[in-house]
Amino acid sequence: MMEKKVTWLELFYDLLFVAAVSKAGHVLLHAEHGVISFEYLMKFVLIFIPVWWAWVGQTLFINRYGQDIFIHRVFLILQLLSVLVMTASLSVDFDQYYLPFFAGYIGSRALTAIQYFMIHNSKSEHQQKAARYLGVCFIIGILISTGSLFFDSWLRYAILYVGIAVDIILPLIGRKNLVKVPIHTHHLLERFALFTLILLGESVVSIIAVLQMDHWDVRSVLFAAFTSIFVIAIWWQYFDNVEKKVSKEIQTAGQAIIYGHLFIYISMSMIAASIQLLYLDELNYGFMLAFVFGSVLLYFLSTSLVFHRYRHAHLRLRPRHLVFMLGIMAAFIVVDLIYRVPNYAIVGENMVFFLVYAKLTT
């Protein structure tokens, strides 16, 4: 299969998602009485998933069918406008901004569906069949979500997200159609790595927020130093794997990459938020431990899953490696539950965990 390259317009398209991801992540900074309430945790997930899925939808079309030609550029520019409307309307106050959010998100999904239906008959039978299947999947999701306009209160959101859930699940059900039109693995890994950079940038922004605090002492210096190494270790672990350890020749439907990265991205947003919340000491000790180590555990498990599927067979992690890493985390948690440690020590523990994880996997 001919190698597919990322275009400059795709990179420009990603820029809008920098703001979308930032808005979603800021929902996690709403700590009240020492905890992030279930309401705000759910709002974060409910904001993040449409952002991720809107990006995935267009990215996958480009991966399988996209060409750097005039009509595809026009559709991507129209996608940009839809994403701009959606991003501008992202807010914890769903009711006030529901209609523009709906218009932006559904507009983005509809444009992707139209592109699938426009696949030319010069394509192979398998390519046409996969395109029609995906187009129908997205139209079904759009129609269900559109039903939300006829309701108010919680029913509106329930119907909206039922449509989004159907949109996400149907490609999994129709996997047999999609494996016959495999993704360009190199291009897709590169696209998801670029989006990972956006999420990593949120952690860098959190470090900058810490560095801009107007009081400096040993605690602050240690916190900033440990956090910086922590984020560098995440970068090292992820990008060395993408660049050197995975086989880009494997041809699949790409679903391990697509759905696994949702959990990678959610965990990275949680890690970025935890940096600021830890430094400001806005969380109860028990909740802080659960949130910080929970986000790191989610990242560890999701990256292990994604890279295991595409890693060269002789480089895959063995069960003993997973047990070893989980043992390190368990030891840190037990120590922290027995002794109340300062926030820079918690960051230091996670720094050590990621340095070991990066060294082990790269």
Protein backbone atom coordinates (compact mmCIF):
# COMPACT_ATOMS: atom_id res chain seq x y z
CA MET A 1 0.00 0.00 0.00
CA MET A 2 1.36 3.42 -0.96
CA GLU A 3 2.41 5.52 2.05
CA LYS A 4 -0.02 8.35 2.77
CA LYS A 5 1.32 11.66 4.03
CA VAL A 6 -0.27 14.17 6.38
CA THR A 7 -1.17 17.37 4.51
CA TRP A 8 -0.75 20.95 5.71
CA LEU A 9 -4.53 21.41 5.66
CA GLU A 10 -4.92 18.49 8.06
CA LEU A 11 -2.46 20.18 10.43
CA PHE A 12 -4.40 23.42 10.13
CA TYR A 13 -7.60 21.49 10.88
CA ASP A 14 -5.99 20.22 14.10
CA LEU A 15 -5.39 23.76 15.33
CA LEU A 16 -9.08 24.26 16.11
CA PHE A 17 -9.05 21.20 18.32
CA VAL A 18 -6.40 22.79 20.52
CA ALA A 19 -9.09 25.16 21.82
CA ALA A 20 -11.71 22.38 22.01
CA VAL A 21 -9.46 20.10 24.06
CA SER A 22 -8.49 23.00 26.34
CA LYS A 23 -12.14 23.85 27.00
CA ALA A 24 -12.97 20.25 27.79
CA GLY A 25 -10.01 19.88 30.14
CA HIS A 26 -10.86 23.05 32.06
CA VAL A 27 -14.10 21.43 33.21
CA LEU A 28 -11.96 19.24 35.49
CA LEU A 29 -10.63 22.30 37.31
CA HIS A 30 -14.02 22.88 38.96
CA ALA A 31 -13.13 21.46 42.37
CA GLU A 32 -15.66 22.07 45.13
CA HIS A 33 -15.25 21.05 48.78
CA GLY A 34 -12.12 19.12 47.96
CA VAL A 35 -13.53 16.95 45.17
CA ILE A 36 -14.45 17.14 41.52
CA SER A 37 -18.13 16.36 41.62
CA PHE A 38 -19.62 13.53 39.59
CA GLU A 39 -21.52 16.19 37.63
CA TYR A 40 -18.33 17.84 36.39
CA LEU A 41 -16.60 14.53 35.71
CA MET A 42 -19.56 13.54 33.54
CA LYS A 43 -19.64 16.94 31.83
CA PHE A 44 -15.96 16.54 30.98
CA VAL A 45 -16.58 13.14 29.37
CA LEU A 46 -19.72 14.34 27.58
CA ILE A 47 -17.87 17.34 26.15
CA PHE A 48 -14.73 15.40 25.27
CA ILE A 49 -16.33 12.49 23.40
CA PRO A 50 -18.04 14.58 20.66
CA VAL A 51 -14.81 16.55 20.18
CA TRP A 52 -12.81 13.33 19.79
CA TRP A 53 -15.39 11.69 17.53
CA ALA A 54 -15.75 14.71 15.26
CA TRP A 55 -11.98 14.69 14.76
CA VAL A 56 -11.87 10.91 14.27
CA GLY A 57 -14.65 10.95 11.67
CA GLN A 58 -12.90 13.30 9.28
CA THR A 59 -9.46 11.86 9.98
CA LEU A 60 -10.59 8.35 9.05
CA PHE A 61 -12.25 9.53 5.84
CA ILE A 62 -9.02 11.23 4.80
CA ASN A 63 -7.04 8.15 5.79
CA ARG A 64 -9.07 5.75 3.61
CA TYR A 65 -10.32 7.96 0.78
CA GLY A 66 -8.92 11.47 1.09
CA GLN A 67 -6.85 13.11 -1.62
CA ASP A 68 -5.25 16.53 -1.74
CA ILE A 69 -7.69 17.72 -4.42
CA PHE A 70 -10.01 20.72 -4.65
CA ILE A 71 -13.30 19.05 -3.60
CA HIS A 72 -11.73 17.38 -0.56
CA ARG A 73 -10.12 20.66 0.45
CA VAL A 74 -13.53 22.36 0.23
CA PHE A 75 -15.10 19.74 2.49
CA LEU A 76 -12.27 20.04 5.02
CA ILE A 77 -12.64 23.82 5.08
CA LEU A 78 -16.39 23.42 5.68
CA GLN A 79 -15.47 21.00 8.48
CA LEU A 80 -13.26 23.73 9.93
CA LEU A 81 -16.22 26.10 10.08
CA SER A 82 -18.41 23.47 11.78
CA VAL A 83 -15.71 22.69 14.33
CA LEU A 84 -15.25 26.42 14.95
CA VAL A 85 -18.95 26.76 15.84
CA MET A 86 -18.84 23.63 18.01
CA THR A 87 -15.71 24.76 19.86
CA ALA A 88 -17.07 28.25 20.50
CA SER A 89 -20.16 26.73 22.13
CA LEU A 90 -18.40 24.23 24.42
CA SER A 91 -19.42 25.09 27.96
CA VAL A 92 -20.47 23.51 31.25
CA ASP A 93 -23.70 25.47 30.72
CA PHE A 94 -25.15 23.07 28.15
CA ASP A 95 -28.60 24.66 28.00
CA GLN A 96 -27.44 28.13 26.99
CA TYR A 97 -25.18 26.92 24.16
CA TYR A 98 -26.98 23.76 23.09
CA LEU A 99 -28.18 24.87 19.67
CA PRO A 100 -24.82 26.18 18.36
CA PHE A 101 -23.07 23.11 19.78
CA PHE A 102 -25.62 20.87 18.10
CA ALA A 103 -25.30 22.71 14.79
CA GLY A 104 -21.49 22.55 14.85
CA TYR A 105 -21.26 18.89 15.83
CA ILE A 106 -24.04 17.61 13.56
CA GLY A 107 -22.76 19.77 10.71
CA SER A 108 -19.36 18.13 11.04
CA ARG A 109 -20.82 14.62 11.09
CA ALA A 110 -23.15 15.36 8.14
CA LEU A 111 -20.28 16.64 6.01
CA THR A 112 -18.33 13.45 6.69
CA ALA A 113 -21.37 11.29 5.82
CA ILE A 114 -21.87 13.18 2.53
CA GLN A 115 -18.24 12.58 1.63
CA TYR A 116 -18.71 8.84 2.10
CA PHE A 117 -21.77 8.83 -0.15
CA MET A 118 -19.79 10.68 -2.81
CA ILE A 119 -17.15 7.98 -3.13
CA HIS A 120 -16.73 7.49 -6.88
CA ASN A 121 -17.59 4.20 -8.53
CA SER A 122 -14.02 4.00 -9.79
CA LYS A 123 -13.13 2.71 -6.33
CA SER A 124 -13.12 -1.03 -5.67
CA GLU A 125 -16.30 -2.82 -4.62
CA HIS A 126 -15.00 -3.25 -1.06
CA GLN A 127 -14.15 0.46 -0.84
CA GLN A 128 -17.61 1.46 -2.06
CA LYS A 129 -19.34 -0.95 0.32
CA ALA A 130 -17.33 0.27 3.33
CA ALA A 131 -18.02 3.91 2.39
CA ARG A 132 -21.77 3.31 2.09
CA TYR A 133 -21.81 1.45 5.38
CA LEU A 134 -20.03 4.26 7.24
CA GLY A 135 -22.21 6.89 5.59
CA VAL A 136 -25.38 5.06 6.66
CA CYS A 137 -23.99 4.61 10.21
CA PHE A 138 -23.38 8.33 10.54
CA ILE A 139 -26.78 9.26 9.09
CA ILE A 140 -28.49 6.98 11.64
CA GLY A 141 -26.58 8.65 14.46
CA ILE A 142 -27.40 12.11 13.10
CA LEU A 143 -31.12 11.32 12.82
CA ILE A 144 -31.29 10.00 16.38
CA SER A 145 -29.40 13.01 17.76
CA THR A 146 -31.62 15.39 15.78
CA GLY A 147 -34.57 14.04 17.74
CA SER A 148 -33.13 15.86 20.75
CA LEU A 149 -34.37 19.16 19.31
CA PHE A 150 -37.95 18.14 20.09
CA PHE A 151 -37.33 17.69 23.81
CA ASP A 152 -36.18 19.71 26.77
CA SER A 153 -34.40 19.06 30.08
CA TRP A 154 -32.36 15.86 30.50
CA LEU A 155 -34.22 14.05 27.69
CA ARG A 156 -32.59 16.36 25.17
CA TYR A 157 -29.10 15.27 26.21
CA ALA A 158 -30.05 11.61 26.57
CA ILE A 159 -31.26 11.49 22.96
CA LEU A 160 -28.27 13.49 21.69
CA TYR A 161 -25.80 11.09 23.26
CA VAL A 162 -27.74 7.99 22.28
CA GLY A 163 -27.23 9.15 18.70
CA ILE A 164 -23.53 9.75 19.33
CA ALA A 165 -23.21 6.32 20.99
CA VAL A 166 -24.90 4.62 18.01
CA ASP A 167 -22.58 6.56 15.69
CA ILE A 168 -19.56 5.26 17.62
CA ILE A 169 -20.71 1.65 18.07
CA LEU A 170 -22.00 0.83 14.57
CA PRO A 171 -18.52 0.84 12.95
CA LEU A 172 -17.47 -1.73 15.56
CA ILE A 173 -20.42 -3.94 14.65
CA GLY A 174 -19.62 -3.64 10.95
CA ARG A 175 -15.94 -4.40 11.35
CA LYS A 176 -16.09 -7.20 8.75
CA ASN A 177 -16.81 -4.58 6.09
CA LEU A 178 -14.02 -2.30 7.23
CA VAL A 179 -11.17 -4.81 7.48
CA LYS A 180 -11.51 -5.32 3.72
CA VAL A 181 -10.53 -1.66 3.32
CA PRO A 182 -7.62 -1.43 5.77
CA ILE A 183 -6.40 1.86 7.08
CA HIS A 184 -3.07 3.43 6.11
CA THR A 185 -1.42 2.52 9.42
CA HIS A 186 1.51 4.93 9.12
CA HIS A 187 -0.77 7.89 8.36
CA LEU A 188 -3.27 7.03 11.11
CA LEU A 189 -0.58 6.57 13.78
CA GLU A 190 0.94 9.88 12.72
CA ARG A 191 -2.44 11.65 12.89
CA PHE A 192 -3.20 10.29 16.35
CA ALA A 193 0.33 11.15 17.50
CA LEU A 194 -0.21 14.74 16.38
CA PHE A 195 -3.44 14.90 18.37
CA THR A 196 -1.54 13.43 21.33
CA LEU A 197 0.82 16.41 21.07
CA ILE A 198 -2.19 18.69 21.56
CA LEU A 199 -3.09 16.83 24.76
CA LEU A 200 0.53 16.89 25.91
CA GLY A 201 0.48 20.63 25.34
CA GLU A 202 -2.25 20.91 27.98
CA SER A 203 0.16 19.46 30.55
CA VAL A 204 2.81 21.95 29.45
CA VAL A 205 0.26 24.77 29.93
CA SER A 206 -0.40 23.45 33.45
CA ILE A 207 3.33 23.50 34.21
CA ILE A 208 3.53 27.10 32.98
CA ALA A 209 0.59 27.99 35.24
CA VAL A 210 2.52 26.51 38.18
CA LEU A 211 5.72 28.37 37.23
CA GLN A 212 3.80 31.66 37.10
CA MET A 213 2.76 31.40 40.73
CA ASP A 214 4.22 34.35 42.60
CA HIS A 215 5.77 32.46 45.53
CA TRP A 216 8.78 30.20 45.27
CA ASP A 217 10.14 27.81 47.87
CA VAL A 218 11.72 24.36 47.96
CA ARG A 219 8.27 22.74 47.59
CA SER A 220 7.48 24.76 44.46
CA VAL A 221 10.85 24.08 42.86
CA LEU A 222 10.60 20.35 43.49
CA PHE A 223 7.02 20.26 42.21
CA ALA A 224 7.93 22.11 38.99
CA ALA A 225 11.04 19.97 38.41
CA PHE A 226 9.29 16.65 39.01
CA THR A 227 6.31 17.65 36.88
CA SER A 228 8.53 18.71 33.98
CA ILE A 229 10.38 15.37 34.01
CA PHE A 230 7.02 13.59 34.39
CA VAL A 231 5.66 15.20 31.20
CA ILE A 232 8.92 14.62 29.30
CA ALA A 233 8.71 10.92 30.28
CA ILE A 234 5.17 10.73 28.86
CA TRP A 235 6.45 12.23 25.61
CA TRP A 236 9.41 9.82 25.57
CA GLN A 237 7.26 6.76 26.20
CA TYR A 238 4.59 7.58 23.63
CA PHE A 239 6.60 8.95 20.73
CA ASP A 240 9.49 6.52 20.92
CA ASN A 241 6.94 3.72 20.68
CA VAL A 242 5.20 5.30 17.68
CA GLU A 243 8.47 6.03 15.91
CA LYS A 244 10.50 2.89 16.59
CA LYS A 245 8.56 0.05 18.17
CA VAL A 246 5.37 -0.42 16.18
CA SER A 247 4.93 -2.03 12.78
CA LYS A 248 3.43 0.39 10.31
CA GLU A 249 2.94 -2.39 7.80
CA ILE A 250 0.12 -4.10 9.73
CA GLN A 251 -3.16 -3.65 7.87
CA THR A 252 -6.29 -3.63 10.03
CA ALA A 253 -9.51 -1.67 10.48
CA GLY A 254 -7.53 0.48 12.92
CA GLN A 255 -10.11 0.20 15.69
CA ALA A 256 -7.57 -0.52 18.45
CA ILE A 257 -5.87 2.77 17.55
CA ILE A 258 -9.13 4.71 17.24
CA TYR A 259 -10.99 3.59 20.36
CA GLY A 260 -7.92 3.00 22.49
CA HIS A 261 -6.83 6.59 21.98
CA LEU A 262 -10.08 7.88 23.45
CA PHE A 263 -8.92 6.56 26.81
CA ILE A 264 -5.36 7.76 26.24
CA TYR A 265 -6.68 11.26 25.54
CA ILE A 266 -9.08 11.29 28.49
CA SER A 267 -6.27 10.20 30.81
CA MET A 268 -3.94 12.90 29.43
CA SER A 269 -6.57 15.58 30.06
CA MET A 270 -6.96 14.27 33.61
CA ILE A 271 -3.19 14.33 34.12
CA ALA A 272 -3.01 17.95 32.87
CA ALA A 273 -5.78 18.98 35.27
CA SER A 274 -4.23 17.07 38.18
CA ILE A 275 -0.99 19.06 37.85
CA GLN A 276 -2.77 22.32 38.64
CA LEU A 277 -5.10 20.83 41.23
CA LEU A 278 -2.20 19.17 43.04
CA TYR A 279 -0.16 22.36 43.17
CA LEU A 280 -3.09 24.46 44.38
CA ASP A 281 -3.92 21.76 46.95
CA GLU A 282 -7.63 22.04 46.11
CA LEU A 283 -8.50 18.35 46.56
CA ASN A 284 -9.04 16.16 49.56
CA TYR A 285 -6.08 13.86 50.09
CA GLY A 286 -7.98 10.63 49.38
CA PHE A 287 -9.72 12.00 46.30
CA MET A 288 -6.44 13.48 45.08
CA LEU A 289 -4.71 10.09 45.26
CA ALA A 290 -7.62 8.40 43.45
CA PHE A 291 -7.74 11.05 40.71
CA VAL A 292 -3.98 11.25 40.10
CA PHE A 293 -3.20 7.55 40.18
CA GLY A 294 -6.46 6.73 38.39
CA SER A 295 -5.48 8.96 35.46
CA VAL A 296 -1.99 7.44 35.31
CA LEU A 297 -3.40 3.90 35.49
CA LEU A 298 -5.85 4.67 32.67
CA TYR A 299 -2.99 5.99 30.52
CA PHE A 300 -0.82 2.97 31.28
CA LEU A 301 -3.51 0.41 30.46
CA SER A 302 -4.75 2.14 27.30
CA THR A 303 -1.27 2.73 25.83
CA SER A 304 -0.28 -0.84 26.66
CA LEU A 305 -3.35 -2.10 24.79
CA VAL A 306 -2.92 0.11 21.72
CA PHE A 307 0.80 -0.44 21.28
CA HIS A 308 0.62 -4.16 22.04
CA ARG A 309 -1.59 -4.70 19.00
CA TYR A 310 0.79 -2.90 16.63
CA ARG A 311 4.15 -3.53 18.29
CA HIS A 312 6.61 -5.85 16.55
CA ALA A 313 6.02 -9.34 17.98
CA HIS A 314 9.49 -9.67 19.53
CA LEU A 315 9.13 -6.26 21.24
CA ARG A 316 5.75 -6.81 22.91
CA LEU A 317 5.50 -6.51 26.67
CA ARG A 318 5.16 -9.75 28.55
CA PRO A 319 2.72 -10.32 31.45
CA ARG A 320 5.62 -10.03 33.90
CA HIS A 321 6.28 -6.48 32.66
CA LEU A 322 2.66 -5.48 33.30
CA VAL A 323 2.76 -7.06 36.77
CA PHE A 324 6.01 -5.20 37.50
CA MET A 325 4.56 -1.82 36.51
CA LEU A 326 1.31 -2.38 38.39
CA GLY A 327 3.37 -3.45 41.40
CA ILE A 328 5.28 -0.16 41.35
CA MET A 329 2.04 1.79 41.27
CA ALA A 330 0.47 -0.33 44.02
CA ALA A 331 3.54 0.21 46.23
CA PHE A 332 3.31 4.00 45.80
CA ILE A 333 -0.41 3.99 46.60
CA VAL A 334 0.07 1.88 49.74
CA VAL A 335 2.84 4.15 50.99
CA ASP A 336 0.75 7.24 50.32
CA LEU A 337 -2.23 5.77 52.18
CA ILE A 338 -0.09 4.94 55.21
CA TYR A 339 1.87 8.20 55.26
CA ARG A 340 0.43 11.53 54.17
CA VAL A 341 2.98 12.74 51.63
CA PRO A 342 3.24 16.25 50.13
CA ASN A 343 2.03 16.96 46.62
CA TYR A 344 5.52 17.17 45.13
CA ALA A 345 6.19 13.63 46.42
CA ILE A 346 3.07 12.34 44.65
CA VAL A 347 4.24 13.98 41.41
CA GLY A 348 7.70 12.52 42.03
CA GLU A 349 6.21 9.03 42.34
CA ASN A 350 4.39 9.40 39.05
CA MET A 351 7.56 10.77 37.50
CA VAL A 352 9.42 7.62 38.58
CA PHE A 353 6.59 5.42 37.29
CA PHE A 354 6.70 7.03 33.85
CA LEU A 355 10.49 6.98 33.66
CA VAL A 356 10.44 3.24 34.35
CA TYR A 357 7.54 2.74 31.89
CA ALA A 358 9.38 4.73 29.20
CA LYS A 359 12.63 2.82 29.75
CA LEU A 360 10.85 -0.54 29.78
CA THR A 361 8.90 0.08 26.57
CA THR A 362 11.51 1.96 24.53
